[in-house]
Protein backbone atom coordinates (compact mmCIF):
# COMPACT_ATOMS: atom_id res chain seq x y z
CA MET A 1 76.37 64.52 136.48
CA ALA A 2 72.83 63.06 138.39
CA LEU A 3 72.71 61.05 141.21
CA GLN A 4 72.95 56.86 140.09
CA SER A 5 72.00 54.79 143.29
CA PRO A 6 69.49 52.08 142.87
CA ILE A 7 66.09 52.96 143.52
CA LEU A 8 63.31 50.44 143.17
CA SER A 9 63.06 47.48 144.62
CA PHE A 10 59.72 45.66 145.08
CA LEU A 11 58.71 43.17 147.98
CA ARG A 12 56.91 40.11 147.08
CA LEU A 13 54.48 38.90 149.65
CA SER A 14 53.33 34.99 149.81
CA SER A 15 51.81 33.39 152.53
CA HIS A 16 54.85 30.98 153.09
CA SER A 17 57.49 33.21 152.43
CA ARG A 18 58.95 36.65 153.65
CA SER A 19 61.98 37.17 151.66
CA PRO A 20 62.61 40.27 149.75
CA ILE A 21 62.92 40.16 145.53
CA LEU A 22 64.69 42.97 144.62
CA GLN A 23 65.04 44.60 141.29
CA PHE A 24 67.10 47.50 141.49
CA ARG A 25 67.34 50.10 138.76
CA PRO A 26 69.42 53.28 138.82
CA PHE A 27 68.12 56.62 139.60
CA LEU A 28 67.61 59.14 137.20
CA THR A 29 66.02 62.39 137.93
CA ARG A 30 63.01 62.57 135.94
CA ASN A 31 61.95 65.86 137.42
CA HIS A 32 62.91 68.79 134.81
CA HIS A 33 60.33 72.01 136.83
CA ARG A 34 61.74 71.48 140.13
CA ARG A 35 61.91 74.80 141.74
CA HIS A 36 64.37 75.68 144.86
CA LEU A 37 61.59 75.90 147.57
CA GLN A 38 63.47 76.41 150.77
CA THR A 39 66.90 78.03 150.28
CA SER A 40 68.22 81.91 149.63
CA SER A 41 71.58 83.62 150.34
CA THR A 42 70.26 84.47 153.94
CA SER A 43 68.79 81.28 154.60
CA PRO A 44 69.68 79.79 157.74
CA PRO A 45 72.32 76.52 156.86
CA ILE A 46 70.66 73.22 155.95
CA PRO A 47 70.76 70.70 158.89
CA ASP A 48 71.44 67.16 159.28
CA TYR A 49 68.03 65.89 159.45
CA ALA A 50 65.09 65.70 157.63
CA PHE A 51 61.02 64.68 157.72
CA ALA A 52 58.75 62.58 155.86
CA PHE A 53 55.05 63.37 156.55
CA ASP A 54 52.28 61.17 155.18
CA ILE A 55 49.42 63.17 154.06
CA ASP A 56 45.69 61.99 154.80
CA GLY A 57 45.32 62.03 158.72
CA VAL A 58 48.69 64.32 159.19
CA LEU A 59 48.22 67.44 157.11
CA VAL A 60 44.83 66.69 155.82
CA ARG A 61 41.97 64.87 157.24
CA SER A 62 39.62 63.85 153.93
CA SER A 63 39.38 67.06 151.74
CA ASP A 64 40.04 69.56 154.47
CA PRO A 65 43.35 70.97 155.42
CA LEU A 66 44.48 70.09 159.20
CA PRO A 67 44.25 73.17 161.42
CA ARG A 68 47.89 73.19 162.24
CA ALA A 69 49.86 71.87 159.13
CA HIS A 70 50.56 74.96 157.46
CA LYS A 71 52.08 76.55 160.92
CA ALA A 72 54.53 73.16 160.61
CA LEU A 73 55.66 73.27 156.69
CA SER A 74 56.23 76.92 156.81
CA TYR A 75 58.39 76.62 159.71
CA LEU A 76 60.52 73.89 158.17
CA GLN A 77 60.68 76.00 154.90
CA SER A 78 61.43 78.86 156.86
CA GLN A 79 64.12 77.08 158.90
CA ASN A 80 65.76 74.79 155.54
CA ILE A 81 64.51 71.98 157.06
CA PRO A 82 64.27 69.56 154.37
CA PHE A 83 61.04 67.16 153.98
CA ILE A 84 59.20 64.92 151.50
CA LEU A 85 55.34 64.00 151.54
CA LEU A 86 55.30 60.36 151.50
CA THR A 87 51.80 58.64 151.25
CA ASN A 88 50.01 55.59 150.52
CA GLY A 89 47.55 57.41 148.26
CA GLY A 90 47.24 58.50 144.89
CA GLY A 91 45.19 58.15 142.25
CA LYS A 92 46.04 61.33 140.48
CA HIS A 93 49.53 62.21 138.95
CA GLU A 94 52.19 63.70 141.58
CA SER A 95 51.86 67.13 139.57
CA GLU A 96 48.34 67.04 140.26
CA ARG A 97 48.34 66.68 143.72
CA VAL A 98 51.13 68.73 144.35
CA GLU A 99 49.18 71.35 143.11
CA GLU A 100 46.15 70.79 145.07
CA LEU A 101 48.25 70.36 148.27
CA SER A 102 49.98 73.59 147.76
CA LYS A 103 46.89 75.53 147.47
CA LYS A 104 44.97 73.77 151.07
CA LEU A 105 47.80 73.89 152.53
CA LYS A 106 48.83 77.37 151.57
CA VAL A 107 52.53 75.87 150.85
CA PRO A 108 55.05 76.14 148.27
CA LEU A 109 55.42 72.62 147.51
CA ASP A 110 57.35 70.23 144.17
CA THR A 111 56.88 67.04 142.68
CA SER A 112 60.63 66.84 143.63
CA MET A 113 59.35 66.29 147.34
CA PHE A 114 56.90 64.31 147.05
CA VAL A 115 56.04 60.23 146.50
CA GLN A 116 52.79 58.61 145.84
CA SER A 117 51.96 54.65 146.26
CA HIS A 118 52.62 54.16 142.79
CA THR A 119 55.28 56.59 142.32
CA PRO A 120 57.53 53.74 142.00
CA PHE A 121 55.48 52.23 139.36
CA GLU A 122 56.94 54.55 136.63
CA GLU A 123 59.99 52.66 137.02
CA LEU A 124 58.91 49.68 135.68
CA ASP A 125 60.23 50.00 131.54
CA GLU A 126 59.64 46.74 130.69
CA TYR A 127 55.54 46.76 131.14
CA LYS A 128 55.69 50.14 129.00
CA ASP A 129 55.22 48.49 125.52
CA LYS A 130 52.92 45.66 126.39
CA THR A 131 49.13 45.74 127.35
CA ILE A 132 48.49 46.42 131.18
CA LEU A 133 45.14 46.47 133.37
CA VAL A 134 45.07 49.34 135.63
CA VAL A 135 42.84 49.08 138.50
CA GLY A 136 41.35 51.49 140.86
CA GLY A 137 40.53 54.84 141.47
CA ASP A 138 37.94 57.59 140.09
CA GLU A 139 36.78 56.93 136.10
CA ASP A 140 39.80 56.56 134.56
CA LYS A 141 42.33 58.91 136.36
CA CYS A 142 44.65 56.37 137.13
CA ARG A 143 44.57 54.99 133.28
CA ARG A 144 46.07 58.91 132.54
CA VAL A 145 48.45 58.50 135.27
CA ALA A 146 49.80 55.05 133.58
CA GLU A 147 49.99 56.75 130.43
CA ARG A 148 52.31 60.18 131.72
CA TYR A 149 54.41 57.86 133.47
CA GLY A 150 55.16 56.39 129.93
CA PHE A 151 52.65 53.25 129.06
CA LYS A 152 51.31 52.88 126.07
CA SER A 153 48.78 50.63 126.19
CA VAL A 154 46.27 50.56 129.29
CA ILE A 155 42.79 49.51 129.61
CA THR A 156 40.87 49.89 132.44
CA PRO A 157 37.78 46.89 134.05
CA GLY A 158 35.44 49.92 133.06
CA ASP A 159 36.85 49.34 129.35
CA ILE A 160 36.27 45.36 129.64
CA LEU A 161 32.46 45.82 130.86
CA THR A 162 31.64 48.44 128.28
CA ALA A 163 32.56 45.68 125.39
CA HIS A 164 31.59 42.90 127.25
CA PRO A 165 28.26 44.04 129.98
CA SER A 166 28.20 40.26 130.41
CA ILE A 167 31.75 39.57 132.21
CA TRP A 168 29.74 41.18 135.13
CA PRO A 169 26.28 41.01 135.41
CA PHE A 170 25.53 42.57 138.45
CA SER A 171 27.32 46.73 137.47
CA GLN A 172 24.56 46.59 134.41
CA GLN A 173 23.24 50.01 136.21
CA PHE A 174 26.33 51.67 136.04
CA LEU A 175 27.07 50.49 131.84
CA PRO A 176 26.36 54.86 131.29
CA TYR A 177 29.07 55.95 134.21
CA TYR A 178 31.52 52.98 132.58
CA ALA A 179 30.71 54.40 129.20
CA SER A 180 31.65 58.13 130.16
CA PHE A 181 35.01 57.34 130.30
CA SER A 182 35.84 53.95 128.36
CA ARG A 183 37.79 53.69 125.52
CA PRO A 184 37.73 50.21 122.62
CA LEU A 185 39.52 47.19 123.92
CA PRO A 186 42.93 47.48 121.87
CA ARG A 187 41.79 43.44 120.96
CA PRO A 188 38.25 41.97 121.31
CA ILE A 189 37.68 39.09 123.75
CA LEU A 190 37.60 36.02 121.53
CA PRO A 191 37.46 33.00 123.72
CA ASN A 192 37.32 30.42 120.58
CA ASP A 193 40.26 32.92 118.99
CA PRO A 194 42.59 33.02 121.75
CA THR A 195 45.66 33.91 119.54
CA ASN A 196 43.78 36.94 118.34
CA SER A 197 42.16 37.79 122.05
CA LEU A 198 42.61 40.64 124.34
CA GLN A 199 45.83 39.76 126.32
CA ILE A 200 47.03 41.46 129.40
CA SER A 201 50.74 41.45 130.55
CA ALA A 202 50.89 43.31 133.99
CA VAL A 203 48.19 44.11 136.40
CA PHE A 204 48.72 47.36 138.45
CA ILE A 205 46.32 48.11 141.48
CA TYR A 206 47.12 51.93 141.40
CA ASN A 207 44.38 53.33 143.92
CA ASP A 208 41.44 51.89 146.10
CA PRO A 209 39.28 50.46 143.74
CA ARG A 210 35.63 51.97 143.45
CA ASP A 211 33.41 48.86 141.85
CA TRP A 212 35.19 45.90 144.08
CA GLY A 213 32.88 43.31 142.70
CA LEU A 214 33.72 43.77 139.20
CA ASP A 215 37.34 44.63 139.49
CA ILE A 216 37.83 40.96 141.83
CA GLN A 217 35.92 39.54 138.52
CA VAL A 218 38.08 40.76 136.21
CA LEU A 219 41.11 39.97 137.89
CA LYS A 220 39.87 36.53 138.77
CA ASP A 221 39.48 35.75 135.25
CA LEU A 222 43.29 36.75 134.24
CA LEU A 223 44.62 34.87 137.52
CA LEU A 224 42.96 31.30 136.30
CA SER A 225 43.88 32.54 132.39
CA ARG A 226 46.30 31.48 129.81
CA ALA A 227 48.91 34.12 129.71
CA GLY A 228 46.93 36.60 130.44
CA ILE A 229 44.20 35.93 127.58
CA PHE A 230 41.21 37.05 128.55
CA GLY A 231 38.20 33.86 128.32
CA THR A 232 40.65 31.36 128.14
CA LEU A 233 41.54 28.99 131.04
CA SER A 234 44.80 27.48 131.79
CA SER A 235 44.98 23.05 131.37
CA LYS A 236 47.69 23.68 134.52
CA ASN A 237 45.16 25.00 137.49
CA ASN A 238 44.93 22.57 140.10
CA ASN A 239 47.72 20.09 139.25
CA PRO A 240 48.84 18.83 142.40
CA GLU A 241 52.19 17.91 140.69
CA LEU A 242 52.90 21.56 139.89
CA PRO A 243 54.16 24.27 142.50
CA ASN A 244 51.45 26.28 143.98
CA ARG A 245 49.26 23.53 142.53
CA GLY A 246 49.52 24.85 138.71
CA PHE A 247 48.44 28.61 139.60
CA GLN A 248 50.08 31.03 138.14
CA ARG A 249 52.51 28.80 136.73
CA ASP A 250 51.24 29.28 133.01
CA GLY A 251 52.30 33.17 132.27
CA GLN A 252 49.62 34.92 134.07
CA PRO A 253 50.15 38.93 134.46
CA PRO A 254 51.67 39.64 137.59
CA LEU A 255 49.92 41.48 140.16
CA PHE A 256 51.45 44.71 141.79
CA PHE A 257 49.65 46.90 144.66
CA SER A 258 50.79 49.88 145.44
CA ASN A 259 49.06 50.58 148.80
CA PRO A 260 48.79 48.01 151.64
CA ASP A 261 46.46 50.15 154.05
CA LEU A 262 43.59 48.30 155.50
CA LEU A 263 41.92 51.06 156.95
CA TRP A 264 42.32 54.98 156.10
CA ALA A 265 41.66 58.09 157.85
CA ALA A 266 38.62 60.13 155.74
CA ALA A 267 36.13 62.76 156.33
CA TYR A 268 33.67 59.73 158.43
CA HIS A 269 35.31 59.53 162.22
CA LEU A 270 35.84 55.60 162.00
CA PRO A 271 38.41 54.25 159.68
CA ARG A 272 37.42 53.22 156.00
CA LEU A 273 38.64 50.54 153.84
CA GLY A 274 41.69 51.02 151.79
CA GLN A 275 43.77 49.42 149.11
CA GLY A 276 44.61 46.50 151.50
CA GLY A 277 40.72 45.95 152.20
CA PHE A 278 40.17 45.21 149.10
CA ARG A 279 43.03 42.95 148.34
CA GLU A 280 41.91 40.58 151.31
CA ALA A 281 38.48 40.37 149.54
CA LEU A 282 40.52 39.56 146.46
CA GLU A 283 42.76 36.65 148.75
CA GLY A 284 39.56 35.46 150.10
CA VAL A 285 37.98 34.68 146.55
CA TRP A 286 41.04 33.04 145.63
CA ALA A 287 41.43 31.09 148.27
CA ALA A 288 37.64 29.62 147.73
CA ILE A 289 38.29 28.96 144.28
CA THR A 290 41.63 27.35 144.87
CA GLY A 291 41.48 25.87 148.22
CA GLY A 292 43.73 28.12 149.57
CA PRO A 293 46.72 27.84 152.11
CA ARG A 294 45.05 24.66 153.61
CA MET A 295 45.62 22.95 149.82
CA GLY A 296 49.15 25.10 149.57
CA VAL A 297 47.99 27.36 147.62
CA GLU A 298 49.02 31.19 147.51
CA LEU A 299 47.93 34.59 145.66
CA GLU A 300 51.55 35.38 144.30
CA LYS A 301 51.77 39.35 144.34
CA THR A 302 53.93 42.33 144.49
CA VAL A 303 52.71 44.78 147.54
CA ILE A 304 54.65 47.92 147.72
CA GLY A 305 54.01 51.37 149.80
CA LYS A 306 54.55 51.77 153.37
CA PRO A 307 55.74 50.00 155.27
CA PHE A 308 57.62 47.86 153.29
CA GLN A 309 61.28 48.20 153.06
CA ALA A 310 61.30 49.21 148.90
CA THR A 311 59.15 52.20 149.53
CA PHE A 312 60.85 53.59 152.31
CA GLU A 313 64.51 53.17 149.96
CA PHE A 314 62.65 55.06 147.53
CA ALA A 315 61.83 57.56 149.41
CA GLU A 316 64.80 58.23 150.95
CA ARG A 317 66.67 58.72 147.54
CA LYS A 318 64.17 61.17 147.09
CA LEU A 319 64.49 63.10 149.59
CA LEU A 320 68.23 63.04 149.18
CA THR A 321 67.87 64.30 146.10
CA HIS A 322 65.60 66.69 147.02
CA ARG A 323 68.01 67.63 149.37
CA ALA A 324 70.81 68.28 147.25
CA ASP A 325 68.33 70.02 144.83
CA LEU A 326 67.88 72.76 147.67
CA VAL A 327 71.88 73.51 147.65
CA ARG A 328 71.62 73.55 143.51
CA GLU A 329 73.66 70.04 143.56
CA GLN A 330 72.21 67.64 141.20
CA GLU A 331 75.39 65.41 142.37
CA LEU A 332 74.75 63.96 145.92
CA GLY A 333 78.41 63.56 146.41
CA ARG A 334 79.05 67.60 146.04
CA ALA A 335 76.22 68.50 148.24
CA GLU A 336 77.33 66.28 150.94
CA GLN A 337 80.86 67.65 151.00
CA LYS A 338 78.95 71.81 151.47
CA VAL A 339 75.81 70.53 154.08
CA GLY A 340 77.60 67.30 155.46
CA ARG A 341 75.33 63.82 155.64
CA LEU A 342 71.98 63.40 156.19
CA LYS A 343 72.31 61.51 159.44
CA ARG A 344 68.13 61.40 160.43
CA VAL A 345 64.49 61.45 159.03
CA TYR A 346 61.84 61.93 161.42
CA MET A 347 58.77 59.83 159.69
CA VAL A 348 55.63 61.35 161.11
CA GLY A 349 52.27 59.66 160.48
CA ASP A 350 49.17 58.89 162.04
CA ASN A 351 49.03 54.85 161.26
CA PRO A 352 50.69 52.81 163.48
CA ALA A 353 50.67 49.54 160.67
CA SER A 354 51.85 51.54 158.07
CA ASP A 355 53.61 55.08 158.93
CA ILE A 356 55.23 53.96 162.42
CA ARG A 357 56.22 50.11 161.23
CA GLY A 358 57.90 51.13 158.44
CA GLY A 359 59.89 54.16 160.50
CA ASN A 360 60.57 51.58 162.22
CA THR A 361 61.56 48.76 160.45
CA PHE A 362 63.02 50.06 157.66
CA LYS A 363 66.81 49.34 157.41
CA SER A 364 68.80 52.11 155.92
CA PRO A 365 71.35 51.37 153.15
CA ARG A 366 72.74 54.47 153.58
CA GLY A 367 72.81 53.88 157.74
CA MET A 368 70.30 56.81 158.08
CA GLU A 369 68.24 56.85 161.67
CA TRP A 370 64.53 56.75 160.90
CA VAL A 371 62.50 58.25 164.13
CA SER A 372 58.68 57.41 163.67
CA VAL A 373 56.37 59.51 165.25
CA LEU A 374 52.84 59.30 165.52
CA VAL A 375 49.79 62.09 166.01
CA GLY A 376 46.55 61.67 166.69
CA THR A 377 44.67 63.02 164.00
CA GLY A 378 44.09 60.62 161.65
CA VAL A 379 43.62 56.27 162.06
CA HIS A 380 45.18 56.30 165.40
CA VAL A 381 43.08 57.33 168.66
CA PRO A 382 44.93 58.87 170.97
CA GLY A 383 44.64 56.74 174.69
CA SER A 384 44.63 53.42 172.44
CA GLU A 385 47.81 51.21 172.54
CA PRO A 386 49.20 51.48 168.93
CA GLU A 387 50.06 48.15 167.47
CA TRP A 388 53.83 49.23 166.39
CA ALA A 389 54.79 51.72 169.38
CA PRO A 390 56.39 54.93 168.31
CA ARG A 391 59.77 56.70 169.50
CA ALA A 392 57.06 59.84 170.32
CA GLU A 393 53.62 60.13 170.21
CA VAL A 394 52.15 63.79 169.81
CA GLY A 395 49.34 65.78 169.17
CA ASP A 396 49.16 66.95 165.42
CA VAL A 397 52.15 67.14 163.27
CA TRP A 398 53.48 71.08 164.69
CA ASP A 399 53.61 68.99 167.52
CA ALA A 400 55.55 66.80 165.70
CA VAL A 401 57.79 69.11 164.40
CA ARG A 402 58.12 71.20 167.96
CA TRP A 403 59.51 67.60 169.72
CA ALA A 404 61.95 66.69 166.81
CA VAL A 405 63.57 69.78 166.31
CA GLY A 406 64.07 70.06 170.48
CA GLU A 407 65.47 66.65 170.15
CA GLU A 408 67.93 67.60 167.88
CA LYS A 409 68.65 70.82 169.38
CA MET A 410 69.50 68.91 172.42
CA LYS A 411 71.89 66.63 169.92
CA MET A 412 73.95 69.80 169.46
């Protein structure tokens, strides 16, 4: 019997409330091609601790592997110490990204040990038979990821621009680019015939947007529409008698962000703006149009990814399932009878605002201890004071592994 436990909870953020809205679904193992990567009949016993690694700035920098990443992961596999990769990155299907990382790091990896920012979206079955808008990523790769997750009708801002170039006149020079991968809309945009016009049921930001102007324009139109019907304006907008002055109170599509990171470590020597930067830009435009907080209006949205509780709960359950699989047990209880409970997880990251904050603030439903370890190979500048203090600050990922293993030996 597969492990049955809640796996997905989304945290709805607002400028006025920080209380979580939880939506639980059972965790059903979806990976049918799992390999036993870390065990053999002569392997060391599986310990009661494990690791979660960020990727960009910890294992790779842009597309290049960091010098001692291979050494760190190879050591863990040789010692039968479980780990997962937990990243706010995305833009490709998990299987594709795992294959790339396995080659770069020269370490066998598997989707059972991999969580991207948008991986939890696969669990949102209520939108799979509806038309959704997917934003971000190169070309329409994120559309194809959503389709592999089971979403049947997926459009992109590029599809909309190709069909109606006047929607955003400042991307006309990019029309040949968008035309190379766009698809016909499932319905036309008919302002005078809303019943037969394109309607969007949900919006997902899968990865960092590339064309911020086009994407913000399309999102603005949807968020002010009636029931997500393109070309319409809700009559409830700016009604002071309604909550949120009527904004997002007329069936507009829910807005999901997969990654809150303002900055990330790329090839350039200084951090680059990420999906969190795009969200801030959208919120600025929204506030300028609606009056924003000074008028009591917020942009209602759901944000997942590190550092939020929802993503760490998802990752913890992924790690538990992977650990059970290493002892060839699909049921957690039987695996724990063999190797004991998992007690600690070392969260190794380069970004204090996501990795370290997440590791410090996560409240494990199973009572596990998460220990944050900050490396100096990414966003964090060694010698500066991190906004969230880690349990340990080290040079790189190999130093992080050595420190954590040393801590465990002291506990024995």
